[in-house]
Amino acid sequence: MSKTVLTVDDSRTMRDMLMMALESAGYTVIQAVDGVDGLETLAAHGADVDVVITDINMPRMDGFGVIEGVRADPKHRQTPVLVLTTESDAAKKQRARDAGATGWIVKPFDPVKLVDAVRRVAA
């Protein structure tokens, strides 16, 4: 059975790149355009989401809000959340970790390494 990944990013290009990389590795991908949309999409898909990948800098709700929202949902407290961002600031990385992020990947990303990271956390 295919695992499902929710990608949350305000960049259409980035969402499409993530979809291509993940679908070619056998994952089902659901897309959201920002943090608010991401949490609404997560709620709509319930337990079908196995991994969340979120950007940090987005309108309406940033990635920190996404991580906190995922962790606040009893159905998703254990769902892995990977941060995929251009940010490399140690303080932001620590803030994401403190909020409950499972991992941190800096853009631009290597599709093979991204898929490997998803495999590791989705196992």
N, C-alpha and C. Protein backbone atom coordinates (compact mmCIF):
# COMPACT_ATOMS: atom_id res chain seq x y z
N MET A 1 0.84 -1.18 0.00
CA MET A 1 0.00 0.00 0.00
C MET A 1 0.88 1.25 0.00
N SER A 2 0.52 2.20 -0.82
CA SER A 2 1.28 3.43 -0.97
C SER A 2 1.10 4.34 0.24
N LYS A 3 2.18 4.95 0.65
CA LYS A 3 2.14 5.94 1.74
C LYS A 3 1.76 7.29 1.13
N THR A 4 1.12 8.13 1.94
CA THR A 4 0.66 9.44 1.48
C THR A 4 1.45 10.54 2.16
N VAL A 5 1.91 11.50 1.36
CA VAL A 5 2.67 12.65 1.85
C VAL A 5 1.88 13.91 1.56
N LEU A 6 1.70 14.74 2.58
CA LEU A 6 1.09 16.06 2.42
C LEU A 6 2.22 17.07 2.29
N THR A 7 2.24 17.81 1.17
CA THR A 7 3.25 18.85 0.98
C THR A 7 2.57 20.21 1.16
N VAL A 8 3.20 21.08 1.96
CA VAL A 8 2.65 22.40 2.27
C VAL A 8 3.70 23.43 1.86
N ASP A 9 3.43 24.14 0.78
CA ASP A 9 4.37 25.14 0.27
C ASP A 9 3.62 26.13 -0.59
N ASP A 10 3.91 27.41 -0.45
CA ASP A 10 3.22 28.43 -1.23
C ASP A 10 3.75 28.55 -2.66
N SER A 11 4.83 27.87 -2.98
CA SER A 11 5.39 27.90 -4.33
C SER A 11 4.85 26.74 -5.15
N ARG A 12 4.14 27.08 -6.21
CA ARG A 12 3.58 26.05 -7.11
C ARG A 12 4.72 25.21 -7.70
N THR A 13 5.80 25.86 -8.08
CA THR A 13 6.94 25.16 -8.65
C THR A 13 7.50 24.14 -7.66
N MET A 14 7.65 24.55 -6.41
CA MET A 14 8.18 23.65 -5.39
C MET A 14 7.22 22.48 -5.15
N ARG A 15 5.92 22.77 -5.07
CA ARG A 15 4.95 21.68 -4.89
C ARG A 15 5.03 20.68 -6.03
N ASP A 16 5.15 21.19 -7.24
CA ASP A 16 5.25 20.31 -8.40
C ASP A 16 6.54 19.48 -8.38
N MET A 17 7.64 20.09 -7.98
CA MET A 17 8.91 19.35 -7.88
C MET A 17 8.81 18.25 -6.83
N LEU A 18 8.20 18.57 -5.70
CA LEU A 18 8.00 17.57 -4.66
C LEU A 18 7.11 16.43 -5.16
N MET A 19 6.03 16.79 -5.85
CA MET A 19 5.12 15.78 -6.37
C MET A 19 5.83 14.85 -7.33
N MET A 20 6.62 15.40 -8.24
CA MET A 20 7.34 14.56 -9.21
C MET A 20 8.30 13.61 -8.50
N ALA A 21 9.08 14.12 -7.56
CA ALA A 21 10.06 13.30 -6.85
C ALA A 21 9.38 12.20 -6.05
N LEU A 22 8.32 12.55 -5.34
CA LEU A 22 7.66 11.58 -4.46
C LEU A 22 6.80 10.57 -5.22
N GLU A 23 6.07 11.05 -6.23
CA GLU A 23 5.25 10.10 -7.00
C GLU A 23 6.11 9.12 -7.77
N SER A 24 7.27 9.57 -8.25
CA SER A 24 8.15 8.64 -8.98
C SER A 24 8.72 7.58 -8.05
N ALA A 25 8.69 7.84 -6.75
CA ALA A 25 9.16 6.86 -5.76
C ALA A 25 8.00 6.04 -5.20
N GLY A 26 6.80 6.25 -5.72
CA GLY A 26 5.66 5.43 -5.32
C GLY A 26 4.75 6.02 -4.26
N TYR A 27 4.99 7.27 -3.86
CA TYR A 27 4.15 7.91 -2.85
C TYR A 27 2.94 8.58 -3.48
N THR A 28 1.86 8.66 -2.74
CA THR A 28 0.72 9.47 -3.10
C THR A 28 0.95 10.84 -2.50
N VAL A 29 0.72 11.90 -3.25
CA VAL A 29 1.00 13.26 -2.78
C VAL A 29 -0.28 14.09 -2.77
N ILE A 30 -0.49 14.77 -1.65
CA ILE A 30 -1.57 15.73 -1.50
C ILE A 30 -0.89 17.08 -1.30
N GLN A 31 -1.40 18.11 -2.00
CA GLN A 31 -0.76 19.42 -1.92
C GLN A 31 -1.61 20.44 -1.17
N ALA A 32 -0.93 21.34 -0.46
CA ALA A 32 -1.59 22.47 0.19
C ALA A 32 -0.76 23.72 -0.09
N VAL A 33 -1.45 24.87 -0.22
CA VAL A 33 -0.79 26.10 -0.67
C VAL A 33 -0.24 26.98 0.44
N ASP A 34 -0.62 26.71 1.69
CA ASP A 34 -0.08 27.46 2.83
C ASP A 34 -0.45 26.69 4.10
N GLY A 35 -0.06 27.23 5.25
CA GLY A 35 -0.27 26.53 6.50
C GLY A 35 -1.73 26.29 6.85
N VAL A 36 -2.58 27.29 6.62
CA VAL A 36 -4.00 27.12 6.91
C VAL A 36 -4.58 26.02 6.04
N ASP A 37 -4.29 26.08 4.75
CA ASP A 37 -4.75 25.05 3.82
C ASP A 37 -4.18 23.68 4.20
N GLY A 38 -2.94 23.67 4.66
CA GLY A 38 -2.30 22.42 5.06
C GLY A 38 -3.02 21.74 6.20
N LEU A 39 -3.35 22.50 7.25
CA LEU A 39 -4.04 21.91 8.40
C LEU A 39 -5.47 21.50 8.03
N GLU A 40 -6.13 22.28 7.18
CA GLU A 40 -7.47 21.90 6.72
C GLU A 40 -7.41 20.62 5.89
N THR A 41 -6.41 20.52 5.04
CA THR A 41 -6.24 19.33 4.21
C THR A 41 -5.91 18.12 5.07
N LEU A 42 -5.06 18.31 6.06
CA LEU A 42 -4.72 17.22 6.97
C LEU A 42 -5.97 16.72 7.70
N ALA A 43 -6.79 17.63 8.17
CA ALA A 43 -8.02 17.26 8.87
C ALA A 43 -8.97 16.50 7.94
N ALA A 44 -9.04 16.94 6.68
CA ALA A 44 -9.94 16.30 5.71
C ALA A 44 -9.49 14.89 5.35
N HIS A 45 -8.18 14.66 5.34
CA HIS A 45 -7.65 13.35 4.94
C HIS A 45 -7.38 12.43 6.13
N GLY A 46 -7.48 12.97 7.34
CA GLY A 46 -7.37 12.14 8.54
C GLY A 46 -6.13 11.27 8.58
N ALA A 47 -6.36 10.02 8.91
CA ALA A 47 -5.26 9.08 9.12
C ALA A 47 -4.58 8.65 7.82
N ASP A 48 -5.09 9.12 6.68
CA ASP A 48 -4.48 8.75 5.40
C ASP A 48 -3.13 9.40 5.17
N VAL A 49 -2.80 10.46 5.92
CA VAL A 49 -1.52 11.16 5.73
C VAL A 49 -0.45 10.51 6.61
N ASP A 50 0.64 10.06 5.97
CA ASP A 50 1.72 9.37 6.68
C ASP A 50 2.88 10.29 7.02
N VAL A 51 3.11 11.33 6.19
CA VAL A 51 4.22 12.27 6.39
C VAL A 51 3.75 13.65 5.93
N VAL A 52 4.18 14.69 6.66
CA VAL A 52 3.93 16.08 6.26
C VAL A 52 5.27 16.71 5.94
N ILE A 53 5.34 17.40 4.79
CA ILE A 53 6.51 18.19 4.43
C ILE A 53 6.03 19.64 4.33
N THR A 54 6.66 20.53 5.11
CA THR A 54 6.22 21.92 5.11
C THR A 54 7.37 22.89 4.92
N ASP A 55 7.07 23.97 4.21
CA ASP A 55 7.96 25.11 4.12
C ASP A 55 7.81 25.91 5.42
N ILE A 56 8.69 26.83 5.68
CA ILE A 56 8.58 27.70 6.85
C ILE A 56 7.92 29.02 6.49
N ASN A 57 8.42 29.69 5.46
CA ASN A 57 7.94 31.03 5.12
C ASN A 57 6.78 30.94 4.14
N MET A 58 5.55 31.15 4.67
CA MET A 58 4.34 31.11 3.85
C MET A 58 3.36 32.14 4.36
N PRO A 59 2.45 32.59 3.49
CA PRO A 59 1.40 33.52 3.95
C PRO A 59 0.36 32.79 4.80
N ARG A 60 -0.44 33.54 5.49
CA ARG A 60 -1.55 33.09 6.35
C ARG A 60 -1.09 32.29 7.56
N MET A 61 -0.27 31.27 7.39
CA MET A 61 0.29 30.53 8.52
C MET A 61 1.62 29.96 8.09
N ASP A 62 2.65 30.20 8.90
CA ASP A 62 3.98 29.69 8.55
C ASP A 62 4.14 28.22 8.94
N GLY A 63 5.29 27.67 8.62
CA GLY A 63 5.56 26.28 8.91
C GLY A 63 5.60 25.93 10.38
N PHE A 64 5.98 26.89 11.20
CA PHE A 64 5.96 26.64 12.65
C PHE A 64 4.53 26.38 13.11
N GLY A 65 3.60 27.16 12.57
CA GLY A 65 2.18 26.96 12.88
C GLY A 65 1.69 25.61 12.39
N VAL A 66 2.18 25.19 11.24
CA VAL A 66 1.82 23.87 10.71
C VAL A 66 2.29 22.78 11.67
N ILE A 67 3.55 22.85 12.06
CA ILE A 67 4.10 21.84 12.96
C ILE A 67 3.29 21.80 14.26
N GLU A 68 3.02 22.96 14.83
CA GLU A 68 2.26 23.02 16.09
C GLU A 68 0.84 22.48 15.89
N GLY A 69 0.23 22.78 14.75
CA GLY A 69 -1.12 22.28 14.46
C GLY A 69 -1.15 20.77 14.29
N VAL A 70 -0.15 20.23 13.62
CA VAL A 70 -0.06 18.77 13.46
C VAL A 70 0.09 18.12 14.83
N ARG A 71 0.98 18.65 15.64
CA ARG A 71 1.23 18.07 16.97
C ARG A 71 0.02 18.23 17.90
N ALA A 72 -0.82 19.24 17.69
CA ALA A 72 -2.00 19.46 18.53
C ALA A 72 -3.13 18.50 18.18
N ASP A 73 -3.08 17.88 17.01
CA ASP A 73 -4.13 16.96 16.56
C ASP A 73 -3.81 15.57 17.09
N PRO A 74 -4.67 15.01 17.96
CA PRO A 74 -4.38 13.69 18.54
C PRO A 74 -4.12 12.60 17.50
N LYS A 75 -4.75 12.71 16.32
CA LYS A 75 -4.55 11.70 15.28
C LYS A 75 -3.17 11.81 14.63
N HIS A 76 -2.52 12.96 14.80
CA HIS A 76 -1.25 13.18 14.08
C HIS A 76 -0.09 13.54 14.99
N ARG A 77 -0.22 13.31 16.27
CA ARG A 77 0.89 13.63 17.19
C ARG A 77 2.17 12.91 16.81
N GLN A 78 2.04 11.72 16.24
CA GLN A 78 3.21 10.93 15.87
C GLN A 78 3.54 10.99 14.39
N THR A 79 2.76 11.74 13.61
CA THR A 79 3.02 11.85 12.17
C THR A 79 4.32 12.61 11.95
N PRO A 80 5.26 12.05 11.20
CA PRO A 80 6.51 12.76 10.93
C PRO A 80 6.27 14.06 10.16
N VAL A 81 6.97 15.11 10.57
CA VAL A 81 6.90 16.40 9.89
C VAL A 81 8.31 16.80 9.49
N LEU A 82 8.54 16.88 8.18
CA LEU A 82 9.83 17.33 7.65
C LEU A 82 9.69 18.78 7.21
N VAL A 83 10.65 19.60 7.58
CA VAL A 83 10.70 20.99 7.15
C VAL A 83 11.58 21.07 5.91
N LEU A 84 11.06 21.68 4.84
CA LEU A 84 11.81 21.88 3.61
C LEU A 84 11.81 23.38 3.33
N THR A 85 12.96 24.03 3.51
CA THR A 85 13.00 25.49 3.49
C THR A 85 14.33 26.03 2.99
N THR A 86 14.34 27.28 2.62
CA THR A 86 15.59 27.95 2.27
C THR A 86 16.32 28.41 3.52
N GLU A 87 15.65 28.39 4.65
CA GLU A 87 16.22 28.84 5.92
C GLU A 87 17.32 27.88 6.39
N SER A 88 18.41 28.45 6.89
CA SER A 88 19.45 27.61 7.48
C SER A 88 19.84 28.12 8.87
N ASP A 89 19.07 29.07 9.37
CA ASP A 89 19.31 29.69 10.68
C ASP A 89 19.15 28.66 11.80
N ALA A 90 20.17 28.53 12.64
CA ALA A 90 20.16 27.54 13.72
C ALA A 90 19.01 27.78 14.70
N ALA A 91 18.69 29.04 14.98
CA ALA A 91 17.61 29.34 15.92
C ALA A 91 16.26 28.88 15.36
N LYS A 92 16.05 29.07 14.06
CA LYS A 92 14.79 28.62 13.45
C LYS A 92 14.73 27.10 13.42
N LYS A 93 15.85 26.48 13.15
CA LYS A 93 15.91 25.02 13.16
C LYS A 93 15.56 24.49 14.54
N GLN A 94 16.10 25.13 15.57
CA GLN A 94 15.80 24.71 16.95
C GLN A 94 14.34 24.95 17.28
N ARG A 95 13.80 26.09 16.83
CA ARG A 95 12.38 26.39 17.07
C ARG A 95 11.50 25.32 16.44
N ALA A 96 11.85 24.89 15.22
CA ALA A 96 11.08 23.83 14.55
C ALA A 96 11.19 22.52 15.32
N ARG A 97 12.38 22.20 15.78
CA ARG A 97 12.59 20.98 16.57
C ARG A 97 11.76 21.03 17.85
N ASP A 98 11.79 22.18 18.51
CA ASP A 98 11.03 22.35 19.75
C ASP A 98 9.53 22.21 19.51
N ALA A 99 9.06 22.64 18.34
CA ALA A 99 7.64 22.54 18.00
C ALA A 99 7.24 21.11 17.65
N GLY A 100 8.24 20.27 17.32
CA GLY A 100 7.94 18.88 17.02
C GLY A 100 8.34 18.40 15.64
N ALA A 101 9.15 19.19 14.92
CA ALA A 101 9.61 18.75 13.59
C ALA A 101 10.49 17.51 13.72
N THR A 102 10.35 16.63 12.76
CA THR A 102 11.11 15.38 12.73
C THR A 102 12.45 15.57 12.04
N GLY A 103 12.49 16.46 11.03
CA GLY A 103 13.72 16.68 10.29
C GLY A 103 13.69 18.01 9.56
N TRP A 104 14.86 18.41 9.01
CA TRP A 104 15.05 19.72 8.37
C TRP A 104 15.86 19.51 7.10
N ILE A 105 15.33 19.95 5.97
CA ILE A 105 16.00 19.84 4.69
C ILE A 105 16.07 21.23 4.07
N VAL A 106 17.25 21.62 3.61
CA VAL A 106 17.42 22.95 3.03
C VAL A 106 17.24 22.89 1.51
N LYS A 107 16.46 23.85 0.97
CA LYS A 107 16.28 24.00 -0.48
C LYS A 107 17.52 24.68 -1.03
N PRO A 108 17.89 24.43 -2.26
CA PRO A 108 17.28 23.45 -3.15
C PRO A 108 17.59 22.04 -2.68
N PHE A 109 16.65 21.13 -2.92
CA PHE A 109 16.81 19.78 -2.40
C PHE A 109 17.22 18.80 -3.49
N ASP A 110 17.90 17.75 -3.08
CA ASP A 110 18.25 16.64 -3.96
C ASP A 110 17.08 15.66 -3.88
N PRO A 111 16.39 15.38 -4.99
CA PRO A 111 15.23 14.50 -4.95
C PRO A 111 15.51 13.12 -4.32
N VAL A 112 16.68 12.56 -4.58
CA VAL A 112 17.01 11.25 -4.03
C VAL A 112 17.12 11.34 -2.50
N LYS A 113 17.78 12.38 -2.01
CA LYS A 113 17.93 12.55 -0.56
C LYS A 113 16.58 12.85 0.10
N LEU A 114 15.74 13.61 -0.58
CA LEU A 114 14.41 13.89 -0.04
C LEU A 114 13.61 12.59 0.10
N VAL A 115 13.59 11.79 -0.94
CA VAL A 115 12.86 10.52 -0.90
C VAL A 115 13.44 9.61 0.18
N ASP A 116 14.76 9.59 0.31
CA ASP A 116 15.38 8.79 1.38
C ASP A 116 14.92 9.26 2.76
N ALA A 117 14.85 10.58 2.95
CA ALA A 117 14.41 11.12 4.24
C ALA A 117 12.95 10.74 4.51
N VAL A 118 12.11 10.82 3.49
CA VAL A 118 10.71 10.42 3.64
C VAL A 118 10.60 8.94 3.98
N ARG A 119 11.37 8.13 3.29
CA ARG A 119 11.37 6.67 3.58
C ARG A 119 11.75 6.39 5.02
N ARG A 120 12.79 7.07 5.49
CA ARG A 120 13.26 6.86 6.86
C ARG A 120 12.18 7.19 7.88
N VAL A 121 11.54 8.33 7.73
CA VAL A 121 10.57 8.76 8.73
C VAL A 121 9.21 8.06 8.59
N ALA A 122 8.92 7.57 7.39
CA ALA A 122 7.63 6.90 7.15
C ALA A 122 7.67 5.42 7.49
N ALA A 123 8.85 4.89 7.77
CA ALA A 123 8.99 3.44 8.01
C ALA A 123 8.27 2.99 9.26
